[in-house]
N, C-alpha and C. Protein backbone atom coordinates (compact mmCIF):
# COMPACT_ATOMS: atom_id res chain seq x y z
N MET A 1 281.91 276.07 174.28
CA MET A 1 281.27 276.91 173.28
C MET A 1 279.76 276.91 173.48
N HIS A 2 279.19 275.75 173.82
CA HIS A 2 277.74 275.65 174.05
C HIS A 2 277.30 276.55 175.19
N ASN A 3 278.08 276.56 176.30
CA ASN A 3 277.74 277.41 177.45
C ASN A 3 277.81 278.89 177.09
N LEU A 4 278.80 279.28 176.30
CA LEU A 4 278.92 280.67 175.89
C LEU A 4 277.72 281.08 175.04
N THR A 5 277.32 280.23 174.11
CA THR A 5 276.17 280.52 173.27
C THR A 5 274.91 280.66 174.11
N LEU A 6 274.74 279.77 175.08
CA LEU A 6 273.58 279.83 175.96
C LEU A 6 273.57 281.13 176.77
N LYS A 7 274.74 281.54 177.30
CA LYS A 7 274.83 282.78 178.07
C LYS A 7 274.49 283.98 177.21
N ILE A 8 274.94 283.99 175.98
CA ILE A 8 274.64 285.10 175.07
C ILE A 8 273.14 285.15 174.79
N LEU A 9 272.53 284.00 174.55
CA LEU A 9 271.09 283.96 174.30
C LEU A 9 270.30 284.45 175.49
N VAL A 10 270.69 284.01 176.68
CA VAL A 10 270.00 284.44 177.90
C VAL A 10 270.15 285.94 178.08
N SER A 11 271.34 286.46 177.82
CA SER A 11 271.57 287.90 177.95
C SER A 11 270.72 288.69 176.97
N LEU A 12 270.62 288.22 175.75
CA LEU A 12 269.81 288.90 174.74
C LEU A 12 268.32 288.85 175.07
N MET A 13 267.91 287.81 175.78
CA MET A 13 266.49 287.66 176.13
C MET A 13 266.10 288.60 177.26
N GLY A 14 267.06 289.17 177.94
CA GLY A 14 266.72 290.06 179.05
C GLY A 14 266.78 289.33 180.36
N ALA A 15 265.70 289.41 181.13
CA ALA A 15 265.70 288.88 182.49
C ALA A 15 265.09 287.50 182.60
N GLU A 16 264.96 286.80 181.51
CA GLU A 16 264.39 285.47 181.59
C GLU A 16 265.38 284.45 181.05
N SER A 17 265.33 283.27 181.62
CA SER A 17 266.20 282.20 181.17
C SER A 17 265.64 281.60 179.88
N ALA A 18 266.38 280.66 179.33
CA ALA A 18 265.97 280.03 178.08
C ALA A 18 264.65 279.29 178.22
N VAL A 19 264.25 278.92 179.43
CA VAL A 19 262.99 278.21 179.63
C VAL A 19 261.87 279.14 180.12
N GLY A 20 262.08 280.45 180.03
CA GLY A 20 261.05 281.41 180.38
C GLY A 20 260.94 281.74 181.86
N GLN A 21 261.83 281.21 182.69
CA GLN A 21 261.83 281.51 184.11
C GLN A 21 262.65 282.77 184.36
N PRO A 22 262.28 283.57 185.36
CA PRO A 22 263.10 284.75 185.67
C PRO A 22 264.53 284.32 186.01
N MET A 23 265.49 285.13 185.59
CA MET A 23 266.89 284.80 185.89
C MET A 23 267.14 284.95 187.38
N ASP A 24 268.23 284.41 187.82
CA ASP A 24 268.64 284.52 189.21
C ASP A 24 268.63 286.00 189.60
N ILE A 25 268.09 286.33 190.77
CA ILE A 25 267.92 287.71 191.19
C ILE A 25 269.26 288.45 191.27
N LYS A 26 270.31 287.77 191.69
CA LYS A 26 271.62 288.40 191.76
C LYS A 26 272.11 288.78 190.36
N GLU A 27 271.91 287.88 189.45
CA GLU A 27 272.28 288.14 188.06
C GLU A 27 271.47 289.32 187.51
N PHE A 28 270.20 289.34 187.81
CA PHE A 28 269.30 290.39 187.32
C PHE A 28 269.77 291.77 187.77
N VAL A 29 270.07 291.94 189.06
CA VAL A 29 270.44 293.27 189.56
C VAL A 29 271.87 293.65 189.20
N ARG A 30 272.66 292.70 188.79
CA ARG A 30 274.04 293.00 188.39
C ARG A 30 274.16 293.38 186.91
N LYS A 31 273.06 293.27 186.19
CA LYS A 31 273.07 293.64 184.77
C LYS A 31 273.08 295.16 184.61
N VAL A 32 273.57 295.59 183.46
CA VAL A 32 273.52 297.01 183.11
C VAL A 32 272.31 297.21 182.20
N TYR A 33 271.43 298.09 182.62
CA TYR A 33 270.23 298.38 181.85
C TYR A 33 270.35 299.79 181.30
N ILE A 34 270.49 299.92 180.01
CA ILE A 34 270.69 301.23 179.39
C ILE A 34 269.53 302.16 179.67
N HIS A 35 268.32 301.65 179.67
CA HIS A 35 267.13 302.47 179.89
C HIS A 35 266.55 302.29 181.29
N GLY A 36 267.33 301.81 182.22
CA GLY A 36 266.87 301.63 183.58
C GLY A 36 266.33 300.23 183.82
N VAL A 37 266.19 299.87 185.08
CA VAL A 37 265.68 298.55 185.46
C VAL A 37 264.28 298.38 184.87
N PRO A 38 264.06 297.32 184.11
CA PRO A 38 262.74 297.14 183.49
C PRO A 38 261.69 296.70 184.51
N TYR A 39 260.67 297.52 184.69
CA TYR A 39 259.63 297.25 185.68
C TYR A 39 258.93 295.92 185.42
N GLU A 40 258.61 295.68 184.16
CA GLU A 40 257.85 294.46 183.82
C GLU A 40 258.59 293.20 184.27
N LYS A 41 259.91 293.24 184.19
CA LYS A 41 260.70 292.05 184.56
C LYS A 41 260.98 292.02 186.05
N ALA A 42 261.33 293.16 186.63
CA ALA A 42 261.64 293.20 188.06
C ALA A 42 260.43 292.85 188.91
N SER A 43 259.25 293.28 188.49
CA SER A 43 258.05 293.04 189.29
C SER A 43 257.57 291.59 189.22
N LYS A 44 258.20 290.78 188.38
CA LYS A 44 257.86 289.36 188.33
C LYS A 44 258.48 288.58 189.50
N TYR A 45 259.49 289.17 190.11
CA TYR A 45 260.09 288.54 191.28
C TYR A 45 259.16 288.76 192.46
N ASP A 46 259.18 287.83 193.43
CA ASP A 46 258.28 287.97 194.57
C ASP A 46 259.05 288.30 195.85
N ALA A 47 258.33 288.42 196.93
CA ALA A 47 258.89 288.82 198.22
C ALA A 47 259.96 287.87 198.73
N SER A 48 260.00 286.66 198.23
CA SER A 48 261.03 285.71 198.69
C SER A 48 262.43 286.16 198.27
N MET A 49 262.53 287.11 197.34
CA MET A 49 263.83 287.62 196.88
C MET A 49 264.34 288.75 197.78
N ALA A 50 263.47 289.34 198.58
CA ALA A 50 263.84 290.49 199.40
C ALA A 50 265.03 290.21 200.33
N PRO A 51 265.07 289.10 201.06
CA PRO A 51 266.23 288.88 201.94
C PRO A 51 267.56 288.85 201.19
N THR A 52 267.58 288.25 200.01
CA THR A 52 268.81 288.21 199.21
C THR A 52 269.21 289.62 198.81
N LEU A 53 268.25 290.41 198.34
CA LEU A 53 268.54 291.77 197.91
C LEU A 53 268.97 292.65 199.08
N LEU A 54 268.32 292.48 200.23
CA LEU A 54 268.69 293.28 201.40
C LEU A 54 270.10 292.94 201.87
N LYS A 55 270.46 291.69 201.77
CA LYS A 55 271.83 291.28 202.12
C LYS A 55 272.82 291.92 201.15
N MET A 56 272.50 291.95 199.87
CA MET A 56 273.36 292.56 198.86
C MET A 56 273.49 294.07 199.10
N LEU A 57 272.43 294.69 199.58
CA LEU A 57 272.42 296.13 199.83
C LEU A 57 273.37 296.51 200.96
N LYS A 58 273.66 295.58 201.83
CA LYS A 58 274.59 295.82 202.94
C LYS A 58 276.03 295.48 202.59
N ASP A 59 276.24 294.84 201.46
CA ASP A 59 277.56 294.35 201.07
C ASP A 59 278.31 295.40 200.25
N PRO A 60 279.39 295.95 200.78
CA PRO A 60 280.15 296.96 200.03
C PRO A 60 280.68 296.44 198.68
N ARG A 61 280.85 295.14 198.55
CA ARG A 61 281.31 294.58 197.28
C ARG A 61 280.24 294.71 196.19
N GLU A 62 279.01 294.94 196.58
CA GLU A 62 277.90 295.09 195.63
C GLU A 62 277.60 296.56 195.33
N GLN A 63 278.45 297.46 195.78
CA GLN A 63 278.19 298.89 195.66
C GLN A 63 277.86 299.31 194.22
N ASP A 64 278.51 298.73 193.25
CA ASP A 64 278.23 299.08 191.85
C ASP A 64 276.80 298.73 191.44
N HIS A 65 276.14 297.87 192.20
CA HIS A 65 274.81 297.40 191.85
C HIS A 65 273.73 297.91 192.81
N TRP A 66 274.10 298.72 193.79
CA TRP A 66 273.14 299.18 194.79
C TRP A 66 271.93 299.87 194.17
N SER A 67 272.15 300.66 193.14
CA SER A 67 271.01 301.34 192.52
C SER A 67 269.99 300.34 191.99
N ASN A 68 270.46 299.35 191.24
CA ASN A 68 269.54 298.34 190.70
C ASN A 68 268.90 297.53 191.82
N ILE A 69 269.65 297.25 192.87
CA ILE A 69 269.13 296.45 193.98
C ILE A 69 267.98 297.17 194.67
N VAL A 70 268.19 298.44 195.03
CA VAL A 70 267.16 299.17 195.79
C VAL A 70 265.94 299.44 194.92
N ILE A 71 266.14 299.68 193.63
CA ILE A 71 265.00 299.88 192.74
C ILE A 71 264.22 298.58 192.56
N THR A 72 264.95 297.48 192.40
CA THR A 72 264.28 296.19 192.25
C THR A 72 263.49 295.84 193.51
N LEU A 73 264.06 296.13 194.67
CA LEU A 73 263.32 295.91 195.93
C LEU A 73 262.00 296.67 195.90
N GLY A 74 262.04 297.91 195.46
CA GLY A 74 260.82 298.70 195.38
C GLY A 74 259.82 298.13 194.38
N MET A 75 260.32 297.68 193.25
CA MET A 75 259.44 297.14 192.22
C MET A 75 258.80 295.82 192.65
N ILE A 76 259.51 295.08 193.50
CA ILE A 76 258.93 293.86 194.06
C ILE A 76 257.80 294.22 195.01
N GLY A 77 258.01 295.28 195.79
CA GLY A 77 256.94 295.79 196.65
C GLY A 77 256.78 295.11 197.99
N ASP A 78 257.82 294.42 198.48
CA ASP A 78 257.72 293.77 199.77
C ASP A 78 257.89 294.79 200.88
N GLU A 79 256.87 294.92 201.72
CA GLU A 79 256.88 295.94 202.77
C GLU A 79 257.96 295.72 203.83
N SER A 80 258.49 294.53 203.94
CA SER A 80 259.57 294.29 204.92
C SER A 80 260.84 295.04 204.53
N ALA A 81 260.90 295.54 203.31
CA ALA A 81 262.09 296.25 202.84
C ALA A 81 262.05 297.74 203.14
N VAL A 82 260.92 298.26 203.62
CA VAL A 82 260.76 299.70 203.81
C VAL A 82 261.83 300.27 204.74
N GLU A 83 261.93 299.77 205.95
CA GLU A 83 262.90 300.34 206.92
C GLU A 83 264.33 300.18 206.43
N PRO A 84 264.74 299.01 205.92
CA PRO A 84 266.11 298.91 205.39
C PRO A 84 266.36 299.88 204.22
N MET A 85 265.34 300.12 203.40
CA MET A 85 265.51 301.06 202.30
C MET A 85 265.68 302.48 202.82
N ILE A 86 264.92 302.85 203.84
CA ILE A 86 265.04 304.18 204.43
C ILE A 86 266.42 304.34 205.07
N GLN A 87 266.88 303.32 205.78
CA GLN A 87 268.23 303.37 206.36
C GLN A 87 269.28 303.52 205.27
N PHE A 88 269.08 302.83 204.16
CA PHE A 88 269.99 302.91 203.03
C PHE A 88 270.04 304.34 202.48
N ILE A 89 268.88 304.95 202.31
CA ILE A 89 268.80 306.32 201.80
C ILE A 89 269.56 307.27 202.71
N GLU A 90 269.42 307.09 204.00
CA GLU A 90 270.00 308.01 204.95
C GLU A 90 271.49 307.79 205.19
N LYS A 91 272.03 306.64 204.80
CA LYS A 91 273.44 306.35 205.08
C LYS A 91 274.32 306.26 203.85
N ARG A 92 273.75 306.12 202.69
CA ARG A 92 274.55 305.89 201.48
C ARG A 92 274.47 307.05 200.51
N LYS A 93 275.26 306.97 199.45
CA LYS A 93 275.28 308.02 198.44
C LYS A 93 274.37 307.72 197.26
N VAL A 94 273.41 306.86 197.43
CA VAL A 94 272.52 306.46 196.33
C VAL A 94 271.08 306.85 196.69
N GLN A 95 270.90 308.08 197.17
CA GLN A 95 269.59 308.52 197.60
C GLN A 95 268.59 308.55 196.44
N ARG A 96 269.03 308.94 195.27
CA ARG A 96 268.12 309.02 194.13
C ARG A 96 267.46 307.67 193.88
N SER A 97 268.26 306.64 193.79
CA SER A 97 267.71 305.31 193.55
C SER A 97 266.89 304.82 194.73
N GLY A 98 267.34 305.13 195.94
CA GLY A 98 266.59 304.73 197.12
C GLY A 98 265.22 305.36 197.16
N MET A 99 265.15 306.64 196.86
CA MET A 99 263.86 307.33 196.85
C MET A 99 262.97 306.77 195.74
N MET A 100 263.55 306.51 194.58
CA MET A 100 262.78 305.93 193.48
C MET A 100 262.26 304.55 193.87
N GLY A 101 263.11 303.76 194.53
CA GLY A 101 262.69 302.44 194.98
C GLY A 101 261.51 302.53 195.94
N LEU A 102 261.57 303.50 196.87
CA LEU A 102 260.45 303.69 197.79
C LEU A 102 259.19 304.10 197.03
N GLY A 103 259.35 304.91 196.00
CA GLY A 103 258.20 305.30 195.19
C GLY A 103 257.54 304.11 194.53
N TYR A 104 258.35 303.22 193.99
CA TYR A 104 257.80 302.00 193.39
C TYR A 104 257.11 301.15 194.44
N LEU A 105 257.73 301.04 195.62
CA LEU A 105 257.15 300.22 196.68
C LEU A 105 255.81 300.79 197.13
N VAL A 106 255.72 302.10 197.28
CA VAL A 106 254.45 302.73 197.66
C VAL A 106 253.39 302.45 196.59
N ASN A 107 253.80 302.56 195.34
CA ASN A 107 252.86 302.32 194.24
C ASN A 107 252.32 300.90 194.27
N LYS A 108 253.20 299.95 194.57
CA LYS A 108 252.80 298.55 194.53
C LYS A 108 252.07 298.11 195.81
N SER A 109 252.54 298.58 196.96
CA SER A 109 251.99 298.06 198.22
C SER A 109 251.10 299.04 198.97
N GLY A 110 251.28 300.34 198.68
CA GLY A 110 250.52 301.34 199.43
C GLY A 110 251.05 301.55 200.84
N ASN A 111 252.28 301.12 201.11
CA ASN A 111 252.85 301.20 202.45
C ASN A 111 252.83 302.65 202.96
N GLN A 112 252.18 302.85 204.09
CA GLN A 112 252.00 304.18 204.65
C GLN A 112 253.31 304.77 205.15
N ARG A 113 254.15 303.98 205.77
CA ARG A 113 255.43 304.48 206.29
C ARG A 113 256.29 305.03 205.16
N ALA A 114 256.39 304.29 204.06
CA ALA A 114 257.18 304.74 202.92
C ALA A 114 256.58 306.00 202.31
N LEU A 115 255.26 306.05 202.20
CA LEU A 115 254.58 307.23 201.66
C LEU A 115 254.84 308.45 202.53
N GLU A 116 254.71 308.30 203.83
CA GLU A 116 254.95 309.41 204.75
C GLU A 116 256.40 309.90 204.68
N TYR A 117 257.33 308.96 204.53
CA TYR A 117 258.75 309.32 204.41
C TYR A 117 258.97 310.16 203.15
N LEU A 118 258.39 309.74 202.04
CA LEU A 118 258.55 310.49 200.80
C LEU A 118 257.92 311.88 200.90
N ILE A 119 256.74 311.94 201.48
CA ILE A 119 256.07 313.25 201.63
C ILE A 119 256.90 314.16 202.53
N ALA A 120 257.39 313.63 203.63
CA ALA A 120 258.22 314.43 204.53
C ALA A 120 259.49 314.89 203.84
N SER A 121 260.01 314.09 202.92
CA SER A 121 261.24 314.43 202.21
C SER A 121 261.04 315.54 201.19
N LEU A 122 259.80 315.86 200.88
CA LEU A 122 259.54 316.97 199.95
C LEU A 122 260.00 318.30 200.52
N THR A 123 259.91 318.41 201.83
CA THR A 123 260.26 319.68 202.48
C THR A 123 261.27 319.48 203.60
N THR A 124 262.03 318.43 203.52
CA THR A 124 262.96 318.11 204.60
C THR A 124 264.05 319.16 204.74
N SER A 125 264.56 319.26 205.93
CA SER A 125 265.71 320.12 206.18
C SER A 125 266.89 319.21 206.51
N ALA A 126 267.88 319.74 207.10
CA ALA A 126 269.09 318.98 207.38
C ALA A 126 268.90 317.93 208.47
N ARG A 127 267.68 317.61 208.82
CA ARG A 127 267.45 316.61 209.87
C ARG A 127 267.88 315.21 209.43
N ILE A 128 267.98 314.98 208.13
CA ILE A 128 268.47 313.68 207.66
C ILE A 128 269.98 313.81 207.54
N GLU A 129 270.64 313.67 208.66
CA GLU A 129 272.07 313.92 208.74
C GLU A 129 272.88 313.01 207.83
N GLY A 130 272.51 311.77 207.73
CA GLY A 130 273.26 310.84 206.89
C GLY A 130 273.29 311.27 205.44
N PHE A 131 272.20 311.84 204.97
CA PHE A 131 272.13 312.30 203.58
C PHE A 131 273.17 313.39 203.35
N PHE A 132 273.20 314.36 204.25
CA PHE A 132 274.12 315.47 204.07
C PHE A 132 275.56 315.07 204.36
N GLU A 133 275.76 314.18 205.28
CA GLU A 133 277.11 313.69 205.58
C GLU A 133 277.68 312.98 204.36
N ALA A 134 276.84 312.20 203.69
CA ALA A 134 277.31 311.41 202.56
C ALA A 134 277.72 312.27 201.37
N ILE A 135 277.12 313.44 201.24
CA ILE A 135 277.42 314.25 200.06
C ILE A 135 278.00 315.63 200.40
N LYS A 136 278.48 315.79 201.61
CA LYS A 136 278.93 317.11 202.05
C LYS A 136 280.05 317.68 201.18
N ASN A 137 280.86 316.82 200.60
CA ASN A 137 281.95 317.32 199.76
C ASN A 137 281.52 317.54 198.32
N MET A 138 280.30 317.14 197.98
CA MET A 138 279.84 317.26 196.61
C MET A 138 278.97 318.51 196.40
N PHE A 139 278.15 318.86 197.37
CA PHE A 139 277.20 319.95 197.22
C PHE A 139 277.12 320.76 198.51
N THR A 140 276.62 321.97 198.41
CA THR A 140 276.33 322.74 199.60
C THR A 140 275.09 322.13 200.25
N PRO A 141 274.86 322.34 201.53
CA PRO A 141 273.65 321.79 202.16
C PRO A 141 272.36 322.21 201.46
N ALA A 142 272.28 323.44 200.99
CA ALA A 142 271.06 323.90 200.31
C ALA A 142 270.85 323.13 199.02
N THR A 143 271.91 322.92 198.26
CA THR A 143 271.79 322.17 197.00
C THR A 143 271.43 320.72 197.29
N ALA A 144 272.05 320.14 198.29
CA ALA A 144 271.76 318.75 198.66
C ALA A 144 270.30 318.61 199.08
N GLU A 145 269.81 319.59 199.83
CA GLU A 145 268.42 319.56 200.28
C GLU A 145 267.46 319.61 199.09
N ARG A 146 267.75 320.47 198.13
CA ARG A 146 266.91 320.56 196.92
C ARG A 146 266.92 319.25 196.14
N LYS A 147 268.08 318.61 196.08
CA LYS A 147 268.16 317.32 195.38
C LYS A 147 267.28 316.28 196.08
N LEU A 148 267.35 316.22 197.40
CA LEU A 148 266.52 315.27 198.14
C LEU A 148 265.04 315.56 197.89
N ASN A 149 264.67 316.84 197.92
CA ASN A 149 263.28 317.22 197.67
C ASN A 149 262.85 316.77 196.27
N LYS A 150 263.72 316.97 195.29
CA LYS A 150 263.42 316.58 193.91
C LYS A 150 263.24 315.07 193.80
N TYR A 151 264.11 314.31 194.42
CA TYR A 151 264.00 312.85 194.36
C TYR A 151 262.69 312.37 194.97
N ALA A 152 262.29 313.02 196.06
CA ALA A 152 261.02 312.65 196.70
C ALA A 152 259.85 312.94 195.76
N ALA A 153 259.89 314.07 195.09
CA ALA A 153 258.81 314.41 194.16
C ALA A 153 258.75 313.42 193.00
N ILE A 154 259.90 313.05 192.47
CA ILE A 154 259.94 312.06 191.39
C ILE A 154 259.36 310.73 191.88
N ALA A 155 259.80 310.30 193.06
CA ALA A 155 259.33 309.02 193.61
C ALA A 155 257.82 309.03 193.83
N LEU A 156 257.28 310.14 194.31
CA LEU A 156 255.83 310.22 194.53
C LEU A 156 255.06 310.21 193.21
N SER A 157 255.69 310.63 192.13
CA SER A 157 255.01 310.61 190.84
C SER A 157 254.77 309.19 190.35
N PHE A 158 255.49 308.23 190.89
CA PHE A 158 255.32 306.83 190.48
C PHE A 158 253.95 306.30 190.87
N ARG A 159 253.27 306.99 191.75
CA ARG A 159 251.92 306.57 192.13
C ARG A 159 250.97 306.71 190.95
N GLN A 160 251.32 307.59 190.01
CA GLN A 160 250.48 307.82 188.84
C GLN A 160 250.78 306.85 187.70
N GLY A 161 252.02 306.47 187.56
CA GLY A 161 252.41 305.60 186.45
C GLY A 161 253.64 304.81 186.82
N LEU A 162 254.13 304.04 185.90
CA LEU A 162 255.27 303.19 186.18
C LEU A 162 256.37 303.38 185.15
N PRO A 163 257.07 304.52 185.20
CA PRO A 163 258.18 304.70 184.28
C PRO A 163 259.31 303.75 184.65
N GLU A 164 260.13 303.40 183.68
CA GLU A 164 261.29 302.57 184.00
C GLU A 164 262.23 303.40 184.87
N ALA A 165 262.94 302.72 185.74
CA ALA A 165 263.85 303.41 186.67
C ALA A 165 265.08 303.87 185.92
N ARG A 166 265.34 305.14 185.99
CA ARG A 166 266.54 305.68 185.36
C ARG A 166 267.44 306.21 186.47
N ALA A 167 268.17 305.29 187.08
CA ALA A 167 269.01 305.66 188.21
C ALA A 167 270.38 306.06 187.77
């Protein structure tokens, strides 16, 4: 009963443990956030969490949490995550979250590669084959292209402010 009470208290507190320390990163990204991943809490994690998150991003068993994982990676702002995040965007069906994550990363780190990728995605064509392959049964190529352009524009807007991620 004591453990259950403690778990409920920790859950109600958000992303911090009962002693004020950030919760385990795996636990954090596996939570359901009604209003999106909270920037204030995700950005408290440091670059030492990136390898764990990148490993989770490759694990199909974590698919339900990929959106939170890629956004949290961006909010942490570790530049070593840029290329894996771009690969994720191009191969998976979670481009919206991936683009948003890159937007957060650019905002935090100023990474030029991520910024250039987002800018190029504003007017991209079908050259990002993985994107269109992943959603070919959901949308026409023109619709898919517009969605990618829109996600890039949203991600670039994060340079101005820090809205919570609504993936």
